Amino acid sequence: MKTTLFSREITYGKKDVAELEAASIKVQLIYDKTLFMLHSHLPKSLWDAWIGVPYNIISSLYKGDNDGGTVFQKWIQGPSGFKCIGCERHCLESTSPPAEIRPSGVQRKYKFHNGIRQSMVLQAVIWSMYENTILFEPFLGGEPFLTEEDLDTISSYFVPTYLSQFPLLERSKPCKEYKDQHIRVYQEWISAPDVVLQWDGGLTEGRWMTGVYMDHARFAGLGPYVKDAKGKRTYMQAFVQ
């Protein structure tokens, strides 16, 4: 069933916004701590092969900063509630002048960074640690890397993601493949609401996605959008009632 919208506005209930705000902060902290752990323990050769970006750059990618841009988490409100399928960074173009020298009226230019190795591999690592912690928790002893709160967050909001499609095939789960020249990542396919947007610019049909902006690991607002079959986004305004 498709929902027809006649304006570029998506309505969220106050409870949904409160849930997204709390959940996005917890998700961001898991991203950050996992990335730090990988950088601390992976040999440089594996880091370069899996991640491919220096830590001082990729750590900023997931933490966000006021000058360099913001983290954009991607959420779907599916049949079992909100799920986070990954993140990217909306970063400033290198040619964009800083505020102190930018002429009045000149806008800063942003680009998107959504590298599969930088985002989806991290999702796969986190999900693998989650499954192994659940499996071996009685035998781990001491303090496991993922706390009980982390496990609850991952169980509630992360989507099963793997470097092989076989775990999903074995469970007869539909999956989406992400790939670049070196890496393939497979994530369980989560159904998103179908919408038809009729507005001044024409007719747009696609899936309703919810972006959550993060800055310094803090919730910085919602950025809903409609994503069509070709991957093009039409950004919407979030209205809370």
Protein backbone atom coordinates (compact mmCIF):
# COMPACT_ATOMS: atom_id res chain seq x y z
CA MET A 1 0.00 0.00 0.00
CA LYS A 2 1.38 3.39 -1.02
CA THR A 3 0.86 6.64 0.88
CA THR A 4 0.29 9.75 -1.23
CA LEU A 5 1.83 13.02 -0.03
CA PHE A 6 0.85 16.39 -1.44
CA SER A 7 3.65 18.44 0.14
CA ARG A 8 7.32 17.91 0.93
CA GLU A 9 6.55 17.27 4.58
CA ILE A 10 6.68 14.10 6.67
CA THR A 11 4.88 13.96 10.02
CA TYR A 12 6.47 12.27 13.05
CA GLY A 13 4.88 11.68 16.42
CA LYS A 14 6.64 13.04 19.50
CA LYS A 15 7.28 9.51 20.76
CA ASP A 16 8.98 8.56 17.48
CA VAL A 17 11.24 11.61 17.61
CA ALA A 18 12.14 10.93 21.24
CA GLU A 19 12.98 7.31 20.36
CA LEU A 20 15.13 8.33 17.38
CA GLU A 21 16.98 10.92 19.43
CA ALA A 22 17.87 8.46 22.20
CA ALA A 23 18.61 5.56 19.84
CA SER A 24 20.78 7.55 17.42
CA ILE A 25 23.08 8.66 20.24
CA LYS A 26 23.50 5.06 21.44
CA VAL A 27 24.16 3.86 17.87
CA GLN A 28 26.75 6.59 17.36
CA LEU A 29 28.64 5.62 20.51
CA ILE A 30 28.79 1.99 19.31
CA TYR A 31 30.15 3.16 15.94
CA ASP A 32 32.83 5.22 17.68
CA LYS A 33 33.99 2.61 20.21
CA THR A 34 34.13 -0.14 17.54
CA LEU A 35 36.13 2.03 15.18
CA PHE A 36 38.59 2.88 17.94
CA MET A 37 38.95 -0.82 18.81
CA LEU A 38 39.64 -1.74 15.18
CA HIS A 39 42.25 0.97 14.83
CA SER A 40 43.94 -0.16 18.06
CA HIS A 41 44.17 -3.84 17.14
CA LEU A 42 44.14 -4.30 13.36
CA PRO A 43 47.49 -4.50 11.56
CA LYS A 44 47.94 -1.64 9.13
CA SER A 45 47.63 -3.98 6.16
CA LEU A 46 44.18 -5.18 7.29
CA TRP A 47 43.08 -1.66 8.19
CA ASP A 48 44.03 -0.47 4.69
CA ALA A 49 42.27 -3.43 3.06
CA TRP A 50 39.05 -3.23 5.10
CA ILE A 51 38.69 0.46 5.84
CA GLY A 52 41.01 2.17 3.36
CA VAL A 53 40.99 5.59 5.08
CA PRO A 54 43.40 6.92 7.76
CA TYR A 55 41.94 6.80 11.27
CA ASN A 56 42.26 10.55 11.85
CA ILE A 57 39.89 11.02 8.90
CA ILE A 58 37.48 8.14 9.48
CA SER A 59 37.12 8.91 13.20
CA SER A 60 35.98 12.40 12.28
CA LEU A 61 33.62 10.77 9.76
CA TYR A 62 31.66 9.11 12.53
CA LYS A 63 31.93 11.77 15.22
CA GLY A 64 31.11 14.80 13.11
CA ASP A 65 32.22 18.38 13.68
CA ASN A 66 30.77 21.82 13.11
CA ASP A 67 33.37 22.89 10.55
CA GLY A 68 33.74 19.70 8.54
CA GLY A 69 30.15 18.52 8.31
CA THR A 70 27.77 16.16 10.09
CA VAL A 71 27.13 12.44 10.32
CA PHE A 72 23.92 11.33 8.61
CA GLN A 73 22.50 8.09 9.99
CA LYS A 74 20.02 6.28 7.73
CA TRP A 75 16.94 4.79 9.38
CA ILE A 76 13.91 2.85 8.15
CA GLN A 77 10.62 2.61 10.00
CA GLY A 78 9.89 -0.98 9.07
CA PRO A 79 7.42 -3.61 10.27
CA SER A 80 9.33 -4.11 13.55
CA GLY A 81 10.02 -0.43 14.25
CA PHE A 82 12.95 1.86 13.50
CA LYS A 83 16.14 0.24 12.20
CA CYS A 84 19.49 1.87 11.37
CA ILE A 85 20.95 0.55 8.11
CA GLY A 86 24.16 2.63 8.04
CA CYS A 87 25.51 6.15 7.96
CA GLU A 88 27.38 8.61 5.81
CA ARG A 89 28.87 12.03 6.22
CA HIS A 90 27.75 15.26 4.61
CA CYS A 91 31.10 17.00 4.30
CA LEU A 92 32.24 20.35 3.04
CA GLU A 93 33.89 20.52 -0.36
CA SER A 94 37.56 21.39 -0.09
CA THR A 95 36.90 24.42 -2.29
CA SER A 96 34.26 25.79 0.09
CA PRO A 97 35.66 28.91 1.81
CA PRO A 98 35.59 29.13 5.63
CA ALA A 99 33.17 31.51 7.31
CA GLU A 100 35.74 34.18 8.12
CA ILE A 101 36.64 34.73 4.46
CA ARG A 102 33.43 33.62 2.74
CA PRO A 103 31.73 36.53 0.90
CA SER A 104 28.25 37.42 2.06
CA GLY A 105 25.61 35.34 0.33
CA VAL A 106 28.02 32.60 -0.82
CA GLN A 107 26.82 29.17 0.33
CA ARG A 108 29.12 26.39 1.45
CA LYS A 109 29.04 23.32 -0.82
CA TYR A 110 28.52 19.86 0.60
CA LYS A 111 29.23 16.43 -0.80
CA PHE A 112 28.26 12.99 0.44
CA HIS A 113 30.69 10.38 1.70
CA ASN A 114 29.08 6.95 1.85
CA GLY A 115 31.99 4.58 1.30
CA ILE A 116 31.02 0.92 1.57
CA ARG A 117 34.22 0.03 3.39
CA GLN A 118 33.90 2.95 5.80
CA SER A 119 30.23 2.40 6.63
CA MET A 120 28.94 -1.06 5.75
CA VAL A 121 32.02 -3.01 6.86
CA LEU A 122 31.66 -1.33 10.24
CA GLN A 123 28.02 -2.47 10.34
CA ALA A 124 29.15 -6.04 9.57
CA VAL A 125 31.86 -5.99 12.25
CA ILE A 126 29.41 -4.73 14.87
CA TRP A 127 26.82 -7.37 13.97
CA SER A 128 29.45 -10.12 14.06
CA MET A 129 30.60 -9.03 17.52
CA TYR A 130 26.98 -8.94 18.65
CA GLU A 131 26.26 -12.49 17.49
CA ASN A 132 29.49 -13.85 18.98
CA THR A 133 28.96 -12.06 22.29
CA ILE A 134 25.45 -13.53 22.57
CA LEU A 135 26.79 -16.98 21.68
CA PHE A 136 29.82 -17.02 23.97
CA GLU A 137 28.72 -14.64 26.75
CA PRO A 138 28.64 -17.39 29.45
CA PHE A 139 32.30 -18.18 28.73
CA LEU A 140 33.78 -14.71 28.19
CA GLY A 141 34.42 -13.73 31.79
CA GLY A 142 35.33 -10.23 32.90
CA GLU A 143 33.85 -7.32 31.01
CA PRO A 144 32.96 -8.06 27.35
CA PHE A 145 33.59 -5.35 24.78
CA LEU A 146 29.87 -4.89 24.19
CA THR A 147 27.94 -4.02 27.34
CA GLU A 148 24.41 -5.21 28.06
CA GLU A 149 23.16 -1.80 26.94
CA ASP A 150 25.15 -2.12 23.70
CA LEU A 151 23.66 -5.55 23.05
CA ASP A 152 20.14 -4.23 23.64
CA THR A 153 20.79 -1.32 21.26
CA ILE A 154 22.18 -3.56 18.51
CA SER A 155 19.33 -6.07 18.92
CA SER A 156 16.74 -3.30 18.75
CA TYR A 157 18.13 -1.02 16.05
CA PHE A 158 20.87 -2.64 13.93
CA VAL A 159 20.15 -4.71 10.83
CA PRO A 160 21.93 -8.08 10.31
CA THR A 161 24.93 -7.33 8.07
CA TYR A 162 27.63 -9.74 6.83
CA LEU A 163 30.66 -9.99 4.57
CA SER A 164 29.08 -13.13 3.07
CA GLN A 165 25.53 -13.69 1.87
CA PHE A 166 25.33 -17.26 3.22
CA PRO A 167 24.08 -16.46 6.76
CA LEU A 168 21.12 -14.62 5.24
CA LEU A 169 20.50 -17.26 2.57
CA GLU A 170 20.49 -20.00 5.23
CA ARG A 171 17.72 -18.14 7.06
CA SER A 172 15.82 -17.39 3.83
CA LYS A 173 16.18 -13.67 4.50
CA PRO A 174 16.05 -11.21 1.60
CA CYS A 175 19.26 -9.22 1.32
CA LYS A 176 20.79 -6.21 -0.35
CA GLU A 177 24.33 -6.31 -1.71
CA TYR A 178 26.71 -3.36 -1.32
CA LYS A 179 29.99 -3.52 -3.21
CA ASP A 180 32.98 -1.55 -4.38
CA GLN A 181 36.09 -2.77 -6.20
CA HIS A 182 37.37 -4.75 -3.21
CA ILE A 183 34.56 -5.39 -0.72
CA ARG A 184 31.10 -6.95 -0.82
CA VAL A 185 28.71 -6.53 2.11
CA TYR A 186 25.29 -8.14 2.48
CA GLN A 187 22.54 -6.68 4.65
CA GLU A 188 19.10 -8.03 5.42
CA TRP A 189 16.54 -6.17 3.32
CA ILE A 190 14.18 -4.11 5.50
CA SER A 191 10.88 -3.05 4.00
CA ALA A 192 10.36 0.72 4.04
CA PRO A 193 7.01 2.49 3.58
CA ASP A 194 6.15 3.17 -0.09
CA VAL A 195 5.15 6.76 -0.83
CA VAL A 196 4.08 8.83 -3.81
CA LEU A 197 4.98 12.51 -3.58
CA GLN A 198 2.95 14.92 -5.71
CA TRP A 199 4.42 18.40 -5.58
CA ASP A 200 5.30 21.40 -7.74
CA GLY A 201 8.35 19.63 -9.14
CA GLY A 202 6.29 16.72 -10.43
CA LEU A 203 5.64 13.17 -9.24
CA THR A 204 8.14 11.18 -7.17
CA GLU A 205 7.59 7.56 -6.18
CA GLY A 206 9.89 5.72 -3.80
CA ARG A 207 10.64 4.54 -0.27
CA TRP A 208 10.31 6.75 2.79
CA MET A 209 13.62 6.93 4.64
CA THR A 210 14.52 8.84 7.80
CA GLY A 211 17.87 10.55 8.08
CA VAL A 212 19.16 11.53 11.51
CA TYR A 213 21.84 14.21 11.70
CA MET A 214 24.52 13.83 14.37
CA ASP A 215 27.08 16.40 15.46
CA HIS A 216 29.73 15.58 18.09
CA ALA A 217 27.72 12.41 18.88
CA ARG A 218 24.68 14.56 19.64
CA PHE A 219 21.28 14.44 17.96
CA ALA A 220 21.04 17.39 15.53
CA GLY A 221 17.69 16.87 13.82
CA LEU A 222 15.78 14.78 11.29
CA GLY A 223 16.26 14.74 7.51
CA PRO A 224 13.53 12.55 5.98
CA TYR A 225 13.70 11.78 2.27
CA VAL A 226 12.06 9.76 -0.49
CA LYS A 227 14.47 7.44 -2.31
CA ASP A 228 13.39 6.36 -5.81
CA ALA A 229 14.29 3.15 -7.66
CA LYS A 230 17.47 4.74 -9.08
CA GLY A 231 18.69 5.86 -5.66
CA LYS A 232 17.89 9.54 -6.16
CA ARG A 233 16.76 11.35 -3.02
CA THR A 234 14.08 13.96 -2.57
CA TYR A 235 14.57 15.57 0.84
CA MET A 236 11.55 16.47 2.93
CA GLN A 237 10.73 18.62 5.93
CA ALA A 238 10.12 16.88 9.26
CA PHE A 239 6.95 17.99 11.06
CA VAL A 240 6.42 16.88 14.68
CA GLN A 241 2.99 16.61 16.23
